[in-house]
Amino acid sequence: MWQIWLILSGICLIIEIMTAGFLIFWFAIGALLAMVVSLFTDNIILQTSVFVLSSTILIFATKPFVKKFANNKNAIQTNVYSTVGKTGIVTKDIDSIQALGQIKVGGEVWSAIGLDDINIPQGTEVEIKEIKGVKAIVAPIKK
């Protein structure tokens, strides 16, 4: 029976490699623990109980630890997300209805539309609220 638990553990590890989460790994560890139990007893109910209980305990015991590192609020924004919150200048009038307009932010030119479909004249200072596809969603800065 230990061979089945070893194969199940291997399958779980392969699935873990193919997924982005960190969940299936604990099932692989649970299968390894059940494999160890199978070396001492042939009772399938006991083996399965060890698998289920150990996997569940490992998942819940490590959840706070994984959450601490997975939701890092201090993560450095890169690529497109680094432009959200920056200010720029409208270089071509923004007509949100026709989806026309451009802004310049840090030397880069972006196509832009106004937040809540507002029109913004050229020369207005704007803040980038979000990025949708290749367009920056902007709002004028109130002075």
Protein backbone atom coordinates (compact mmCIF):
# COMPACT_ATOMS: atom_id res chain seq x y z
CA MET A 1 0.00 0.00 0.00
CA TRP A 2 2.93 2.34 0.61
CA GLN A 3 3.54 2.52 -3.15
CA ILE A 4 0.10 4.05 -3.72
CA TRP A 5 0.76 6.77 -1.12
CA LEU A 6 4.15 7.48 -2.71
CA ILE A 7 2.57 7.76 -6.17
CA LEU A 8 -0.19 10.02 -4.79
CA SER A 9 2.46 12.22 -3.19
CA GLY A 10 4.35 12.45 -6.50
CA ILE A 11 1.18 13.35 -8.37
CA CYS A 12 0.40 16.08 -5.83
CA LEU A 13 3.91 17.50 -6.21
CA ILE A 14 3.58 17.54 -10.01
CA ILE A 15 0.23 19.34 -9.72
CA GLU A 16 1.80 21.81 -7.26
CA ILE A 17 4.53 22.61 -9.77
CA MET A 18 1.90 23.37 -12.43
CA THR A 19 -0.21 25.64 -10.20
CA ALA A 20 0.51 29.05 -8.73
CA GLY A 21 -0.91 28.37 -5.28
CA PHE A 22 0.76 26.70 -2.32
CA LEU A 23 -2.00 24.27 -1.36
CA ILE A 24 -1.45 20.91 -3.05
CA PHE A 25 2.03 20.65 -1.49
CA TRP A 26 0.45 19.88 1.88
CA PHE A 27 -1.53 17.00 0.37
CA ALA A 28 1.78 15.59 -0.88
CA ILE A 29 3.21 15.80 2.65
CA GLY A 30 0.03 14.19 4.03
CA ALA A 31 0.40 11.35 1.53
CA LEU A 32 4.01 10.84 2.65
CA LEU A 33 2.88 10.68 6.29
CA ALA A 34 0.19 8.16 5.32
CA MET A 35 2.88 6.17 3.52
CA VAL A 36 4.92 6.00 6.73
CA VAL A 37 1.83 4.79 8.64
CA SER A 38 1.20 2.16 5.94
CA LEU A 39 4.59 0.63 6.74
CA PHE A 40 3.29 -0.21 10.24
CA THR A 41 -0.35 -1.12 9.58
CA ASP A 42 -2.54 -2.34 6.72
CA ASN A 43 -5.61 -0.51 8.07
CA ILE A 44 -6.68 1.72 5.15
CA ILE A 45 -9.04 3.72 7.38
CA LEU A 46 -6.16 4.67 9.68
CA GLN A 47 -3.93 5.55 6.71
CA THR A 48 -6.62 7.69 5.11
CA SER A 49 -7.34 9.38 8.44
CA VAL A 50 -3.66 10.27 8.83
CA PHE A 51 -3.65 11.65 5.28
CA VAL A 52 -6.76 13.79 5.76
CA LEU A 53 -5.91 15.01 9.27
CA SER A 54 -2.26 15.82 8.55
CA SER A 55 -3.10 17.62 5.30
CA THR A 56 -5.82 19.67 6.99
CA ILE A 57 -3.64 20.56 9.97
CA LEU A 58 -0.74 21.57 7.72
CA ILE A 59 -2.98 23.74 5.55
CA PHE A 60 -4.49 25.62 8.49
CA ALA A 61 -1.25 25.81 10.47
CA THR A 62 0.67 27.40 7.63
CA LYS A 63 -2.11 29.65 6.32
CA PRO A 64 -1.14 32.68 8.47
CA PHE A 65 2.52 32.19 7.55
CA VAL A 66 1.78 32.03 3.81
CA LYS A 67 -0.67 34.94 4.04
CA LYS A 68 2.01 37.08 5.67
CA PHE A 69 4.29 36.70 2.66
CA ALA A 70 1.67 36.42 -0.10
CA ASN A 71 -0.06 39.74 0.65
CA ASN A 72 2.95 41.98 0.99
CA LYS A 73 1.59 45.53 1.15
CA ASN A 74 5.11 46.94 0.68
CA ALA A 75 5.63 45.22 -2.66
CA ILE A 76 7.27 47.44 -5.24
CA GLN A 77 4.98 48.12 -8.16
CA THR A 78 6.55 47.51 -11.56
CA ASN A 79 5.72 47.87 -15.22
CA VAL A 80 2.32 49.39 -15.93
CA TYR A 81 1.24 49.32 -12.28
CA SER A 82 4.06 51.67 -11.31
CA THR A 83 2.37 54.51 -13.23
CA VAL A 84 -0.87 54.40 -11.22
CA GLY A 85 -0.95 57.38 -8.88
CA LYS A 86 1.59 59.42 -10.86
CA THR A 87 0.79 62.81 -12.34
CA GLY A 88 1.09 63.85 -15.93
CA ILE A 89 0.19 66.59 -18.39
CA VAL A 90 -2.48 66.32 -21.07
CA THR A 91 -0.75 66.74 -24.46
CA LYS A 92 -3.85 66.21 -26.63
CA ASP A 93 -7.38 67.05 -25.48
CA ILE A 94 -9.03 64.07 -23.80
CA ASP A 95 -12.42 63.25 -25.29
CA SER A 96 -13.64 60.25 -23.32
CA ILE A 97 -16.68 59.62 -25.50
CA GLN A 98 -14.56 59.18 -28.64
CA ALA A 99 -11.69 57.65 -26.62
CA LEU A 100 -9.21 60.24 -27.86
CA GLY A 101 -6.48 62.01 -25.94
CA GLN A 102 -2.94 61.66 -24.73
CA ILE A 103 -0.94 62.42 -21.63
CA LYS A 104 2.75 62.54 -20.91
CA VAL A 105 4.01 60.90 -17.72
CA GLY A 106 7.70 60.69 -16.90
CA GLY A 107 8.75 60.95 -20.52
CA GLU A 108 6.22 58.37 -21.72
CA VAL A 109 3.19 59.19 -23.84
CA TRP A 110 -0.01 57.34 -22.98
CA SER A 111 -3.42 57.23 -24.61
CA ALA A 112 -5.88 58.40 -22.01
CA ILE A 113 -9.55 58.75 -21.19
CA GLY A 114 -11.11 60.73 -18.38
CA LEU A 115 -12.42 59.12 -15.23
CA ASP A 116 -16.24 59.05 -15.31
CA ASP A 117 -16.13 59.95 -19.04
CA ILE A 118 -15.13 63.58 -18.48
CA ASN A 119 -13.36 65.66 -21.12
CA ILE A 120 -10.06 67.26 -20.11
CA PRO A 121 -8.39 70.08 -22.09
CA GLN A 122 -4.75 70.12 -23.19
CA GLY A 123 -2.26 71.42 -20.61
CA THR A 124 -4.25 70.17 -17.60
CA GLU A 125 -2.33 68.34 -14.90
CA VAL A 126 -3.88 64.91 -14.27
CA GLU A 127 -3.43 61.94 -11.97
CA ILE A 128 -3.50 58.38 -13.31
CA LYS A 129 -6.20 56.50 -11.42
CA GLU A 130 -5.90 53.13 -13.19
CA ILE A 131 -4.75 51.41 -16.35
CA LYS A 132 -7.20 49.57 -18.60
CA GLY A 133 -5.46 47.78 -21.43
CA VAL A 134 -3.30 50.43 -23.12
CA LYS A 135 -5.23 53.45 -21.86
CA ALA A 136 -4.65 55.43 -18.74
CA ILE A 137 -7.77 56.44 -16.82
CA VAL A 138 -7.08 59.94 -15.50
CA ALA A 139 -8.68 62.65 -13.41
CA PRO A 140 -7.71 66.33 -13.29
CA ILE A 141 -5.84 67.47 -10.22
CA LYS A 142 -7.75 70.08 -8.24
CA LYS A 143 -5.52 72.99 -7.23
